[in-house]
Amino acid sequence: MSELTTEQLIKIILGILVVVAVVAGLYFFFKTQIIEFFNGLSPANPNKIFMALGK
């Protein structure tokens, strides 16, 4: 079994931070568009959901 060196740990931590930054960036970029799309849609009225997807 190979041991984790300090250099490998730093690379793993930086990789995790990059993934978190990308996910957070995508969330903030699309937050207004995606959330606004689903506002007002309720599961009680599935026809409205299908009509909204057709736009």
N, C-alpha and C. Protein backbone atom coordinates (compact mmCIF):
# COMPACT_ATOMS: atom_id res chain seq x y z
N MET A 1 0.84 -1.17 0.00
CA MET A 1 0.00 0.00 0.00
C MET A 1 0.89 1.24 0.00
N SER A 2 0.58 2.20 -0.84
CA SER A 2 1.42 3.39 -0.91
C SER A 2 0.98 4.41 0.13
N GLU A 3 1.94 5.16 0.60
CA GLU A 3 1.67 6.17 1.61
C GLU A 3 1.36 7.50 0.95
N LEU A 4 0.56 8.30 1.62
CA LEU A 4 0.26 9.64 1.12
C LEU A 4 1.34 10.60 1.60
N THR A 5 1.95 11.28 0.64
CA THR A 5 2.95 12.27 1.01
C THR A 5 2.27 13.63 1.15
N THR A 6 3.00 14.59 1.67
CA THR A 6 2.47 15.94 1.84
C THR A 6 2.10 16.53 0.48
N GLU A 7 2.91 16.27 -0.52
CA GLU A 7 2.64 16.79 -1.87
C GLU A 7 1.34 16.23 -2.42
N GLN A 8 1.10 14.95 -2.21
CA GLN A 8 -0.14 14.33 -2.69
C GLN A 8 -1.36 14.87 -1.94
N LEU A 9 -1.21 15.09 -0.63
CA LEU A 9 -2.31 15.65 0.15
C LEU A 9 -2.66 17.06 -0.30
N ILE A 10 -1.65 17.85 -0.61
CA ILE A 10 -1.88 19.21 -1.10
C ILE A 10 -2.62 19.18 -2.43
N LYS A 11 -2.22 18.27 -3.31
CA LYS A 11 -2.90 18.15 -4.61
C LYS A 11 -4.36 17.73 -4.44
N ILE A 12 -4.62 16.80 -3.53
CA ILE A 12 -5.99 16.35 -3.28
C ILE A 12 -6.84 17.49 -2.73
N ILE A 13 -6.29 18.23 -1.76
CA ILE A 13 -7.03 19.35 -1.17
C ILE A 13 -7.29 20.43 -2.20
N LEU A 14 -6.30 20.75 -3.03
CA LEU A 14 -6.51 21.76 -4.08
C LEU A 14 -7.54 21.29 -5.10
N GLY A 15 -7.53 20.01 -5.42
CA GLY A 15 -8.52 19.48 -6.35
C GLY A 15 -9.93 19.59 -5.79
N ILE A 16 -10.09 19.28 -4.52
CA ILE A 16 -11.41 19.41 -3.89
C ILE A 16 -11.86 20.86 -3.86
N LEU A 17 -10.94 21.77 -3.55
CA LEU A 17 -11.28 23.20 -3.53
C LEU A 17 -11.68 23.70 -4.92
N VAL A 18 -11.02 23.21 -5.95
CA VAL A 18 -11.37 23.62 -7.32
C VAL A 18 -12.76 23.11 -7.68
N VAL A 19 -13.06 21.86 -7.34
CA VAL A 19 -14.39 21.32 -7.63
C VAL A 19 -15.46 22.10 -6.90
N VAL A 20 -15.23 22.43 -5.63
CA VAL A 20 -16.20 23.21 -4.85
C VAL A 20 -16.38 24.59 -5.46
N ALA A 21 -15.29 25.22 -5.90
CA ALA A 21 -15.38 26.55 -6.50
C ALA A 21 -16.16 26.52 -7.81
N VAL A 22 -15.96 25.49 -8.62
CA VAL A 22 -16.67 25.37 -9.89
C VAL A 22 -18.16 25.15 -9.64
N VAL A 23 -18.50 24.27 -8.72
CA VAL A 23 -19.91 24.01 -8.42
C VAL A 23 -20.58 25.27 -7.87
N ALA A 24 -19.90 25.98 -6.98
CA ALA A 24 -20.47 27.20 -6.42
C ALA A 24 -20.62 28.26 -7.50
N GLY A 25 -19.65 28.37 -8.39
CA GLY A 25 -19.75 29.32 -9.49
C GLY A 25 -20.91 29.02 -10.43
N LEU A 26 -21.08 27.76 -10.77
CA LEU A 26 -22.21 27.37 -11.62
C LEU A 26 -23.53 27.64 -10.93
N TYR A 27 -23.59 27.39 -9.63
CA TYR A 27 -24.82 27.64 -8.89
C TYR A 27 -25.16 29.13 -8.93
N PHE A 28 -24.19 29.99 -8.65
CA PHE A 28 -24.47 31.43 -8.63
C PHE A 28 -24.75 31.97 -10.02
N PHE A 29 -24.13 31.38 -11.05
CA PHE A 29 -24.35 31.84 -12.42
C PHE A 29 -25.75 31.51 -12.90
N PHE A 30 -26.22 30.28 -12.61
CA PHE A 30 -27.52 29.84 -13.10
C PHE A 30 -28.64 30.01 -12.08
N LYS A 31 -28.32 30.52 -10.88
CA LYS A 31 -29.31 30.60 -9.81
C LYS A 31 -30.56 31.36 -10.23
N THR A 32 -30.40 32.50 -10.86
CA THR A 32 -31.57 33.30 -11.21
C THR A 32 -32.37 32.65 -12.33
N GLN A 33 -31.71 32.06 -13.30
CA GLN A 33 -32.42 31.46 -14.43
C GLN A 33 -33.17 30.20 -14.02
N ILE A 34 -32.51 29.29 -13.34
CA ILE A 34 -33.10 28.00 -13.00
C ILE A 34 -34.20 28.16 -11.95
N ILE A 35 -33.92 28.90 -10.90
CA ILE A 35 -34.91 29.05 -9.83
C ILE A 35 -36.12 29.83 -10.33
N GLU A 36 -35.92 30.84 -11.16
CA GLU A 36 -37.04 31.59 -11.71
C GLU A 36 -37.89 30.71 -12.62
N PHE A 37 -37.25 29.75 -13.32
CA PHE A 37 -37.98 28.86 -14.20
C PHE A 37 -38.95 27.99 -13.39
N PHE A 38 -38.51 27.50 -12.23
CA PHE A 38 -39.33 26.59 -11.45
C PHE A 38 -40.25 27.30 -10.45
N ASN A 39 -40.12 28.61 -10.30
CA ASN A 39 -41.05 29.33 -9.41
C ASN A 39 -42.44 29.28 -10.01
N GLY A 40 -43.43 29.07 -9.19
CA GLY A 40 -44.81 29.06 -9.66
C GLY A 40 -45.26 27.72 -10.21
N LEU A 41 -44.38 26.76 -10.33
CA LEU A 41 -44.76 25.44 -10.81
C LEU A 41 -45.02 24.55 -9.60
N SER A 42 -46.17 23.94 -9.56
CA SER A 42 -46.48 23.06 -8.43
C SER A 42 -46.75 21.66 -8.96
N PRO A 43 -46.42 20.64 -8.17
CA PRO A 43 -46.68 19.27 -8.60
C PRO A 43 -48.17 18.96 -8.70
N ALA A 44 -49.02 19.80 -8.13
CA ALA A 44 -50.45 19.55 -8.19
C ALA A 44 -51.00 19.78 -9.60
N ASN A 45 -50.26 20.53 -10.41
CA ASN A 45 -50.72 20.82 -11.77
C ASN A 45 -49.63 20.41 -12.76
N PRO A 46 -49.56 19.12 -13.13
CA PRO A 46 -48.49 18.67 -14.02
C PRO A 46 -48.59 19.24 -15.43
N ASN A 47 -49.77 19.62 -15.87
CA ASN A 47 -49.90 20.19 -17.22
C ASN A 47 -49.13 21.50 -17.32
N LYS A 48 -49.13 22.29 -16.26
CA LYS A 48 -48.41 23.56 -16.27
C LYS A 48 -46.90 23.31 -16.37
N ILE A 49 -46.43 22.24 -15.73
CA ILE A 49 -45.01 21.91 -15.79
C ILE A 49 -44.62 21.53 -17.23
N PHE A 50 -45.43 20.71 -17.89
CA PHE A 50 -45.13 20.30 -19.25
C PHE A 50 -45.22 21.48 -20.22
N MET A 51 -46.14 22.38 -19.98
CA MET A 51 -46.25 23.57 -20.84
C MET A 51 -45.04 24.48 -20.66
N ALA A 52 -44.52 24.57 -19.44
CA ALA A 52 -43.36 25.41 -19.18
C ALA A 52 -42.11 24.81 -19.83
N LEU A 53 -42.02 23.49 -19.88
CA LEU A 53 -40.87 22.85 -20.51
C LEU A 53 -40.89 23.04 -22.02
N GLY A 54 -42.05 23.22 -22.59
CA GLY A 54 -42.18 23.42 -24.03
C GLY A 54 -41.81 24.80 -24.51
N LYS A 55 -41.60 25.73 -23.59
CA LYS A 55 -41.27 27.12 -23.99
C LYS A 55 -39.90 27.21 -24.60
